[in-house]
Each structure stands twice: as structure tokens, then as C-alpha cells.
């Protein structure tokens, strides 16, 4: 997808909120769950990863893999192959007319394993053609709330502070449902959305060891940034 200058018309596209759960916390981890929501439409897919789930990730998400089967809090989960899941995701996006793909902390985290999975399956160009761009709500929220004295910008904290509710965080479907509500409370202007718009083609896939299990502290900086990178409130 071309990375041309953003015009205001792009901010008027439909929105799809998406989230991933993965085998660990680094940029080379594998997808376990992919969820998306747009209004009342939703998609919730699970994949058996090609490697073990790190114990810390299991503690956060509840996912484990036993004998090539996926379990959530000890209950067997129906799964698709990675390619089947991505094809379903692309079809979901196309049905909404090339929407904006919106997520929290996605530029730093989710887009990396997503882009790598798309390259592995030969589907990257198809997905890039199915969206009009990506929007990361973490920096967007920082801009919208810059006068509010907010110091933490993890999604769970923002939902608690702005919506006054707790929810089942670290389940991708619950995360995207909560993010959709949060976005409508933030009410970013088209100009703000445009400033935080980027292309999936901007994401460079990290090569090397698969399933990075330990978050790279030096790359994250502050304790808050590390929390957000790990997606732990």
C-alpha cells in the first residue's frame, strides 16, 4: 500500500478495532488470538502457535498449548491455521470497504507479529490492500488527553479512568470491544486521527529467533513504556 500524504477523507472511513494475543512479549512472538470489531460486527479467531507459550504470557492471557492443542484457562479452544485466520481477517476488512485499522500500542507491538505472519503466508499485499491505513490509539490518547494530567496510557487504565469500568483485559475480543468504547469517548478530531495514521507497509519485520520470550527492557525505556509494551496494566 502506498504511503502517500494523508488527506482528511481517510479519517472518514469505517473503523475496525483489532488486537492480538501472542506467545510472549517480544517482536518475534507468534499469534495465538486475533480479534476485531466494527460496530456490532466482530471476529474472534485462535491459532495454535509453532512454539511454546511463555509462562508469563500464560499468566497474563490464560493460553497454553498441550500436544499441539490450544487451551484457554484449561478449556480446549477451537482453532484455525494461521493462513485461514488471516484470510478470514482480510475478508472481514474487505466487507467493511477498506476501513482504518485501529489498535492500542499497535505500531510498537501488534503490527510487528501481524506483518511477519502475513509475510509467512504470502498475504501481506492482500491485507495492505484491504485497509486505508492504521491508527495507534496510544499516542492518539496522549495528544487528546494532554491537558488532563493523565500519566498512564495503558488501555486498561484509560478504560478504567474514562469509562469507569473494569473489563477482562488480555482477551483480544474483550480488548477490542473496550477500545471501541474508549475511542468514542476520546472523540478525536479528523486532524488528530490524521496525525496518528500510518501504513502497515511502514512496519519492518524483525528477523531472527522466533518467539522472543523476554521483553527488551532497553528498547522500552521507562517503566510505563515497558508496561505498555508488555500490555500489562
C-alpha atoms as a PDB file:
ATOM      1  CA  UNK A   1       0.000   0.000   0.000  1.00  0.00           C
ATOM      2  CA  UNK A   2       1.359   3.416  -0.892  1.00  0.00           C
ATOM      3  CA  UNK A   3       2.437   5.729   1.913  1.00  0.00           C
ATOM      4  CA  UNK A   4       1.135   8.883   0.275  1.00  0.00           C
ATOM      5  CA  UNK A   5       0.279  12.047   2.162  1.00  0.00           C
ATOM      6  CA  UNK A   6      -2.716  11.623   4.400  1.00  0.00           C
ATOM      7  CA  UNK A   7      -5.810  13.529   3.444  1.00  0.00           C
ATOM      8  CA  UNK A   8      -8.781  14.185   5.666  1.00  0.00           C
ATOM      9  CA  UNK A   9     -11.016  11.862   3.634  1.00  0.00           C
ATOM     10  CA  UNK A  10      -9.132   8.856   5.005  1.00  0.00           C
ATOM     11  CA  UNK A  11     -10.265   9.710   8.518  1.00  0.00           C
ATOM     12  CA  UNK A  12     -13.889   9.296   7.398  1.00  0.00           C
ATOM     13  CA  UNK A  13     -13.513   5.586   6.636  1.00  0.00           C
ATOM     14  CA  UNK A  14     -15.176   2.961   8.802  1.00  0.00           C
ATOM     15  CA  UNK A  15     -13.109   1.791  11.759  1.00  0.00           C
ATOM     16  CA  UNK A  16     -12.030  -1.717  12.674  1.00  0.00           C
ATOM     17  CA  UNK A  17     -10.533  -2.157  16.141  1.00  0.00           C
ATOM     18  CA  UNK A  18      -8.155  -5.091  16.394  1.00  0.00           C
ATOM     19  CA  UNK A  19      -5.903  -6.800  18.910  1.00  0.00           C
ATOM     20  CA  UNK A  20      -3.619  -9.814  19.162  1.00  0.00           C
ATOM     21  CA  UNK A  21      -2.618 -12.134  21.959  1.00  0.00           C
ATOM     22  CA  UNK A  22       0.767 -13.763  21.450  1.00  0.00           C
ATOM     23  CA  UNK A  23       3.170 -16.354  22.827  1.00  0.00           C
ATOM     24  CA  UNK A  24       5.363 -13.778  24.564  1.00  0.00           C
ATOM     25  CA  UNK A  25       6.246 -10.110  24.718  1.00  0.00           C
ATOM     26  CA  UNK A  26       8.841  -9.526  22.016  1.00  0.00           C
ATOM     27  CA  UNK A  27       8.542  -8.561  18.388  1.00  0.00           C
ATOM     28  CA  UNK A  28       9.251 -12.107  17.174  1.00  0.00           C
ATOM     29  CA  UNK A  29       6.445 -13.816  19.077  1.00  0.00           C
ATOM     30  CA  UNK A  30       3.664 -15.781  17.418  1.00  0.00           C
ATOM     31  CA  UNK A  31      -0.059 -15.040  17.179  1.00  0.00           C
ATOM     32  CA  UNK A  32      -2.448 -17.016  19.402  1.00  0.00           C
ATOM     33  CA  UNK A  33      -5.608 -14.911  19.155  1.00  0.00           C
ATOM     34  CA  UNK A  34      -6.739 -12.315  16.622  1.00  0.00           C
ATOM     35  CA  UNK A  35      -9.882 -10.312  17.312  1.00  0.00           C
ATOM     36  CA  UNK A  36     -11.555  -7.413  15.530  1.00  0.00           C
ATOM     37  CA  UNK A  37     -14.737  -5.417  15.984  1.00  0.00           C
ATOM     38  CA  UNK A  38     -16.575  -2.761  13.989  1.00  0.00           C
ATOM     39  CA  UNK A  39     -19.868  -1.664  15.466  1.00  0.00           C
ATOM     40  CA  UNK A  40     -21.824  -4.867  16.099  1.00  0.00           C
ATOM     41  CA  UNK A  41     -19.667  -6.975  13.767  1.00  0.00           C
ATOM     42  CA  UNK A  42     -16.848  -8.940  15.303  1.00  0.00           C
ATOM     43  CA  UNK A  43     -14.241 -11.566  14.523  1.00  0.00           C
ATOM     44  CA  UNK A  44     -12.538 -13.793  17.095  1.00  0.00           C
ATOM     45  CA  UNK A  45     -10.014 -16.367  15.887  1.00  0.00           C
ATOM     46  CA  UNK A  46      -7.461 -18.603  17.578  1.00  0.00           C
ATOM     47  CA  UNK A  47      -4.315 -20.217  16.216  1.00  0.00           C
ATOM     48  CA  UNK A  48      -2.070 -22.948  17.595  1.00  0.00           C
ATOM     49  CA  UNK A  49       1.383 -21.322  17.608  1.00  0.00           C
ATOM     50  CA  UNK A  50       4.502 -23.164  16.392  1.00  0.00           C
ATOM     51  CA  UNK A  51       6.252 -22.695  19.732  1.00  0.00           C
ATOM     52  CA  UNK A  52       5.536 -22.840  23.428  1.00  0.00           C
ATOM     53  CA  UNK A  53       3.718 -20.058  25.250  1.00  0.00           C
ATOM     54  CA  UNK A  54       5.956 -18.308  27.724  1.00  0.00           C
ATOM     55  CA  UNK A  55       4.793 -18.826  31.351  1.00  0.00           C
ATOM     56  CA  UNK A  56       4.493 -15.052  31.876  1.00  0.00           C
ATOM     57  CA  UNK A  57       2.282 -14.793  28.794  1.00  0.00           C
ATOM     58  CA  UNK A  58       0.143 -17.661  30.089  1.00  0.00           C
ATOM     59  CA  UNK A  59      -0.178 -15.831  33.396  1.00  0.00           C
ATOM     60  CA  UNK A  60      -1.466 -12.758  31.566  1.00  0.00           C
ATOM     61  CA  UNK A  61      -3.697 -14.368  28.921  1.00  0.00           C
ATOM     62  CA  UNK A  62      -4.527 -17.850  30.235  1.00  0.00           C
ATOM     63  CA  UNK A  63      -3.413 -19.553  26.996  1.00  0.00           C
ATOM     64  CA  UNK A  64      -1.410 -22.782  26.988  1.00  0.00           C
ATOM     65  CA  UNK A  65      -0.502 -25.292  24.289  1.00  0.00           C
ATOM     66  CA  UNK A  66      -0.559 -29.018  25.080  1.00  0.00           C
ATOM     67  CA  UNK A  67       0.143 -31.628  22.387  1.00  0.00           C
ATOM     68  CA  UNK A  68      -0.486 -29.111  19.622  1.00  0.00           C
ATOM     69  CA  UNK A  69      -3.866 -28.087  21.011  1.00  0.00           C
ATOM     70  CA  UNK A  70      -4.720 -24.667  22.408  1.00  0.00           C
ATOM     71  CA  UNK A  71      -6.313 -24.222  25.818  1.00  0.00           C
ATOM     72  CA  UNK A  72      -7.684 -21.100  27.496  1.00  0.00           C
ATOM     73  CA  UNK A  73      -7.770 -21.380  31.284  1.00  0.00           C
ATOM     74  CA  UNK A  74      -7.701 -25.150  30.858  1.00  0.00           C
ATOM     75  CA  UNK A  75     -10.521 -25.357  28.313  1.00  0.00           C
ATOM     76  CA  UNK A  76      -9.908 -26.567  24.761  1.00  0.00           C
ATOM     77  CA  UNK A  77     -10.257 -23.803  22.154  1.00  0.00           C
ATOM     78  CA  UNK A  78     -11.312 -24.247  18.531  1.00  0.00           C
ATOM     79  CA  UNK A  79      -8.530 -23.075  16.218  1.00  0.00           C
ATOM     80  CA  UNK A  80      -7.721 -22.309  12.587  1.00  0.00           C
ATOM     81  CA  UNK A  81      -4.441 -22.430  10.737  1.00  0.00           C
ATOM     82  CA  UNK A  82      -2.582 -19.118  10.635  1.00  0.00           C
ATOM     83  CA  UNK A  83      -3.368 -18.735   6.940  1.00  0.00           C
ATOM     84  CA  UNK A  84      -7.084 -19.469   7.461  1.00  0.00           C
ATOM     85  CA  UNK A  85      -7.240 -16.910  10.269  1.00  0.00           C
ATOM     86  CA  UNK A  86      -5.580 -14.216   8.181  1.00  0.00           C
ATOM     87  CA  UNK A  87      -7.777 -14.919   5.153  1.00  0.00           C
ATOM     88  CA  UNK A  88     -10.839 -14.557   7.407  1.00  0.00           C
ATOM     89  CA  UNK A  89      -9.449 -11.292   8.786  1.00  0.00           C
ATOM     90  CA  UNK A  90      -8.894  -9.913   5.274  1.00  0.00           C
ATOM     91  CA  UNK A  91     -12.444 -10.884   4.269  1.00  0.00           C
ATOM     92  CA  UNK A  92     -13.781  -9.127   7.392  1.00  0.00           C
ATOM     93  CA  UNK A  93     -11.897  -5.961   6.426  1.00  0.00           C
ATOM     94  CA  UNK A  94     -12.956  -6.036   2.776  1.00  0.00           C
ATOM     95  CA  UNK A  95     -16.603  -6.382   3.781  1.00  0.00           C
ATOM     96  CA  UNK A  96     -16.263  -3.005   5.516  1.00  0.00           C
ATOM     97  CA  UNK A  97     -14.877  -1.178   2.498  1.00  0.00           C
ATOM     98  CA  UNK A  98     -11.171  -0.727   3.257  1.00  0.00           C
ATOM     99  CA  UNK A  99     -11.529   0.647   6.802  1.00  0.00           C
ATOM    100  CA  UNK A 100      -8.948   2.187   9.076  1.00  0.00           C
ATOM    101  CA  UNK A 101      -7.339  -0.465  11.292  1.00  0.00           C
ATOM    102  CA  UNK A 102      -7.251   0.852  14.858  1.00  0.00           C
ATOM    103  CA  UNK A 103      -5.475  -0.600  17.887  1.00  0.00           C
ATOM    104  CA  UNK A 104      -3.741   0.343  21.120  1.00  0.00           C
ATOM    105  CA  UNK A 105       0.067   0.279  21.020  1.00  0.00           C
ATOM    106  CA  UNK A 106      -0.121  -1.486  17.665  1.00  0.00           C
ATOM    107  CA  UNK A 107       2.711   0.373  15.966  1.00  0.00           C
ATOM    108  CA  UNK A 108       5.123  -0.803  18.636  1.00  0.00           C
ATOM    109  CA  UNK A 109       3.740  -4.281  19.192  1.00  0.00           C
ATOM    110  CA  UNK A 110       0.798  -5.849  17.323  1.00  0.00           C
ATOM    111  CA  UNK A 111       1.727  -4.746  13.807  1.00  0.00           C
ATOM    112  CA  UNK A 112       5.085  -6.490  14.013  1.00  0.00           C
ATOM    113  CA  UNK A 113       3.842 -10.091  14.556  1.00  0.00           C
ATOM    114  CA  UNK A 114       0.921  -9.364  12.220  1.00  0.00           C
ATOM    115  CA  UNK A 115       3.219  -8.198   9.397  1.00  0.00           C
ATOM    116  CA  UNK A 116       5.540 -11.174   9.908  1.00  0.00           C
ATOM    117  CA  UNK A 117       2.615 -13.629   9.827  1.00  0.00           C
ATOM    118  CA  UNK A 118       1.340 -12.008   6.639  1.00  0.00           C
ATOM    119  CA  UNK A 119       4.743 -12.368   5.019  1.00  0.00           C
ATOM    120  CA  UNK A 120       4.989 -16.009   6.099  1.00  0.00           C
ATOM    121  CA  UNK A 121       1.638 -16.768   4.468  1.00  0.00           C
ATOM    122  CA  UNK A 122       2.128 -14.568   1.405  1.00  0.00           C
ATOM    123  CA  UNK A 123      -0.875 -12.417   2.371  1.00  0.00           C
ATOM    124  CA  UNK A 124       0.755  -9.092   3.227  1.00  0.00           C
ATOM    125  CA  UNK A 125      -0.152  -7.323  -0.005  1.00  0.00           C
ATOM    126  CA  UNK A 126      -3.739  -8.544   0.243  1.00  0.00           C
ATOM    127  CA  UNK A 127      -4.188  -7.204   3.753  1.00  0.00           C
ATOM    128  CA  UNK A 128      -2.487  -3.903   2.944  1.00  0.00           C
ATOM    129  CA  UNK A 129      -4.900  -3.505   0.022  1.00  0.00           C
ATOM    130  CA  UNK A 130      -7.883  -4.229   2.291  1.00  0.00           C
ATOM    131  CA  UNK A 131      -7.311  -1.237   4.629  1.00  0.00           C
ATOM    132  CA  UNK A 132      -6.889   2.512   4.232  1.00  0.00           C
ATOM    133  CA  UNK A 133      -4.277   2.806   6.967  1.00  0.00           C
ATOM    134  CA  UNK A 134      -3.595   2.130  10.646  1.00  0.00           C
ATOM    135  CA  UNK A 135      -4.146   4.275  13.723  1.00  0.00           C
ATOM    136  CA  UNK A 136      -2.424   3.730  17.079  1.00  0.00           C
ATOM    137  CA  UNK A 137      -4.654   4.932  19.909  1.00  0.00           C
ATOM    138  CA  UNK A 138      -1.844   5.147  22.476  1.00  0.00           C
ATOM    139  CA  UNK A 139      -0.138   8.258  21.042  1.00  0.00           C
ATOM    140  CA  UNK A 140      -3.560   9.494  19.928  1.00  0.00           C
ATOM    141  CA  UNK A 141      -4.808   9.329  23.534  1.00  0.00           C
ATOM    142  CA  UNK A 142      -1.679  11.117  24.743  1.00  0.00           C
ATOM    143  CA  UNK A 143      -2.475  14.012  22.408  1.00  0.00           C
ATOM    144  CA  UNK A 144      -6.209  14.136  23.135  1.00  0.00           C
ATOM    145  CA  UNK A 145      -5.650  13.981  26.905  1.00  0.00           C
ATOM    146  CA  UNK A 146      -2.522  16.143  27.113  1.00  0.00           C
ATOM    147  CA  UNK A 147      -4.296  18.778  29.219  1.00  0.00           C
ATOM    148  CA  UNK A 148      -5.855  16.250  31.622  1.00  0.00           C
ATOM    149  CA  UNK A 149      -2.769  15.375  33.654  1.00  0.00           C
ATOM    150  CA  UNK A 150      -3.052  11.705  32.733  1.00  0.00           C
ATOM    151  CA  UNK A 151       0.228   9.875  33.383  1.00  0.00           C
ATOM    152  CA  UNK A 152      -0.591   6.296  32.385  1.00  0.00           C
ATOM    153  CA  UNK A 153      -1.874   5.332  28.979  1.00  0.00           C
ATOM    154  CA  UNK A 154      -2.271   1.574  29.050  1.00  0.00           C
ATOM    155  CA  UNK A 155      -5.664   0.674  27.622  1.00  0.00           C
ATOM    156  CA  UNK A 156      -6.934  -0.872  30.839  1.00  0.00           C
ATOM    157  CA  UNK A 157      -6.034   2.267  32.803  1.00  0.00           C
ATOM    158  CA  UNK A 158      -7.691   4.556  30.243  1.00  0.00           C
ATOM    159  CA  UNK A 159     -10.858   2.460  30.213  1.00  0.00           C
ATOM    160  CA  UNK A 160     -10.994   2.493  33.997  1.00  0.00           C
ATOM    161  CA  UNK A 161     -10.436   6.264  34.213  1.00  0.00           C
ATOM    162  CA  UNK A 162     -12.605   7.424  31.303  1.00  0.00           C
ATOM    163  CA  UNK A 163     -15.349   4.795  31.197  1.00  0.00           C
ATOM    164  CA  UNK A 164     -15.371   3.958  34.892  1.00  0.00           C
ATOM    165  CA  UNK A 165     -15.339   0.205  34.319  1.00  0.00           C
ATOM    166  CA  UNK A 166     -13.051  -2.781  34.569  1.00  0.00           C
ATOM    167  CA  UNK A 167     -13.126  -5.470  31.910  1.00  0.00           C
ATOM    168  CA  UNK A 168     -11.499  -8.773  31.013  1.00  0.00           C
ATOM    169  CA  UNK A 169      -8.231  -7.364  29.720  1.00  0.00           C
ATOM    170  CA  UNK A 170      -5.799  -9.520  27.727  1.00  0.00           C
ATOM    171  CA  UNK A 171      -8.592 -11.354  25.981  1.00  0.00           C
ATOM    172  CA  UNK A 172      -8.301  -9.877  22.483  1.00  0.00           C
ATOM    173  CA  UNK A 173     -12.057  -9.767  21.863  1.00  0.00           C
ATOM    174  CA  UNK A 174     -12.771  -8.012  25.149  1.00  0.00           C
ATOM    175  CA  UNK A 175      -9.858  -5.662  24.485  1.00  0.00           C
ATOM    176  CA  UNK A 176     -11.214  -4.531  21.114  1.00  0.00           C
ATOM    177  CA  UNK A 177     -14.747  -4.123  22.432  1.00  0.00           C
ATOM    178  CA  UNK A 178     -13.403  -1.930  25.228  1.00  0.00           C
ATOM    179  CA  UNK A 179     -11.195   0.009  22.807  1.00  0.00           C
ATOM    180  CA  UNK A 180     -14.145   0.775  20.534  1.00  0.00           C
ATOM    181  CA  UNK A 181     -15.998   2.300  23.504  1.00  0.00           C
ATOM    182  CA  UNK A 182     -12.873   4.176  24.606  1.00  0.00           C
ATOM    183  CA  UNK A 183     -12.361   5.635  21.132  1.00  0.00           C
ATOM    184  CA  UNK A 184     -15.891   7.034  21.084  1.00  0.00           C
ATOM    185  CA  UNK A 185     -15.239   8.696  24.446  1.00  0.00           C
ATOM    186  CA  UNK A 186     -11.950  10.193  23.217  1.00  0.00           C
ATOM    187  CA  UNK A 187     -13.746  11.598  20.135  1.00  0.00           C
ATOM    188  CA  UNK A 188     -10.560  12.511  18.250  1.00  0.00           C
ATOM    189  CA  UNK A 189     -10.958  15.098  15.518  1.00  0.00           C
ATOM    190  CA  UNK A 190     -10.159  14.145  11.911  1.00  0.00           C
ATOM    191  CA  UNK A 191      -6.991  16.234  12.193  1.00  0.00           C
ATOM    192  CA  UNK A 192      -5.806  14.310  15.253  1.00  0.00           C
ATOM    193  CA  UNK A 193      -6.599  10.973  13.601  1.00  0.00           C
ATOM    194  CA  UNK A 194      -4.636  12.035  10.512  1.00  0.00           C
ATOM    195  CA  UNK A 195      -1.577  12.847  12.624  1.00  0.00           C
ATOM    196  CA  UNK A 196      -1.537   9.289  14.012  1.00  0.00           C
ATOM    197  CA  UNK A 197      -2.233   7.491  10.753  1.00  0.00           C
ATOM    198  CA  UNK A 198       0.454   5.171   9.386  1.00  0.00           C
ATOM    199  CA  UNK A 199       0.734   2.394   6.839  1.00  0.00           C
ATOM    200  CA  UNK A 200       1.287  -1.272   7.572  1.00  0.00           C
ATOM    201  CA  UNK A 201       3.892  -1.143   4.810  1.00  0.00           C
ATOM    202  CA  UNK A 202       5.943   1.082   7.154  1.00  0.00           C
ATOM    203  CA  UNK A 203       6.425  -1.869   9.518  1.00  0.00           C
ATOM    204  CA  UNK A 204       9.747  -3.603   9.007  1.00  0.00           C
ATOM    205  CA  UNK A 205       9.605  -7.252  10.013  1.00  0.00           C
ATOM    206  CA  UNK A 206      12.170  -8.246  12.642  1.00  0.00           C
ATOM    207  CA  UNK A 207      14.133 -11.281  11.567  1.00  0.00           C
ATOM    208  CA  UNK A 208      15.999 -13.700  13.806  1.00  0.00           C
ATOM    209  CA  UNK A 209      14.960 -16.033  16.595  1.00  0.00           C
ATOM    210  CA  UNK A 210      11.272 -16.808  16.629  1.00  0.00           C
ATOM    211  CA  UNK A 211       9.155 -16.478  19.734  1.00  0.00           C
ATOM    212  CA  UNK A 212      11.145 -13.899  21.663  1.00  0.00           C
ATOM    213  CA  UNK A 213      10.122 -14.531  25.248  1.00  0.00           C
ATOM    214  CA  UNK A 214      11.714 -11.730  27.244  1.00  0.00           C
ATOM    215  CA  UNK A 215      10.726  -8.099  26.642  1.00  0.00           C
ATOM    216  CA  UNK A 216      13.717  -5.994  25.567  1.00  0.00           C
ATOM    217  CA  UNK A 217      13.896  -3.581  28.502  1.00  0.00           C
ATOM    218  CA  UNK A 218      16.496  -1.330  26.916  1.00  0.00           C
ATOM    219  CA  UNK A 219      14.262  -0.781  23.915  1.00  0.00           C
ATOM    220  CA  UNK A 220      11.258   0.137  26.043  1.00  0.00           C
ATOM    221  CA  UNK A 221      12.782   2.844  28.225  1.00  0.00           C
ATOM    222  CA  UNK A 222      10.621   3.856  31.178  1.00  0.00           C
ATOM    223  CA  UNK A 223       8.689   1.503  33.437  1.00  0.00           C
ATOM    224  CA  UNK A 224       5.425   2.797  31.976  1.00  0.00           C
ATOM    225  CA  UNK A 225       6.647   2.159  28.435  1.00  0.00           C
ATOM    226  CA  UNK A 226       7.653  -1.363  29.430  1.00  0.00           C
ATOM    227  CA  UNK A 227       4.200  -1.968  30.915  1.00  0.00           C
ATOM    228  CA  UNK A 228       2.565  -0.738  27.727  1.00  0.00           C
ATOM    229  CA  UNK A 229       4.883  -2.801  25.548  1.00  0.00           C
ATOM    230  CA  UNK A 230       4.024  -5.914  27.542  1.00  0.00           C
ATOM    231  CA  UNK A 231       0.380  -4.833  27.534  1.00  0.00           C
ATOM    232  CA  UNK A 232       0.177  -5.342  31.298  1.00  0.00           C
ATOM    233  CA  UNK A 233      -1.714  -2.617  33.200  1.00  0.00           C
END
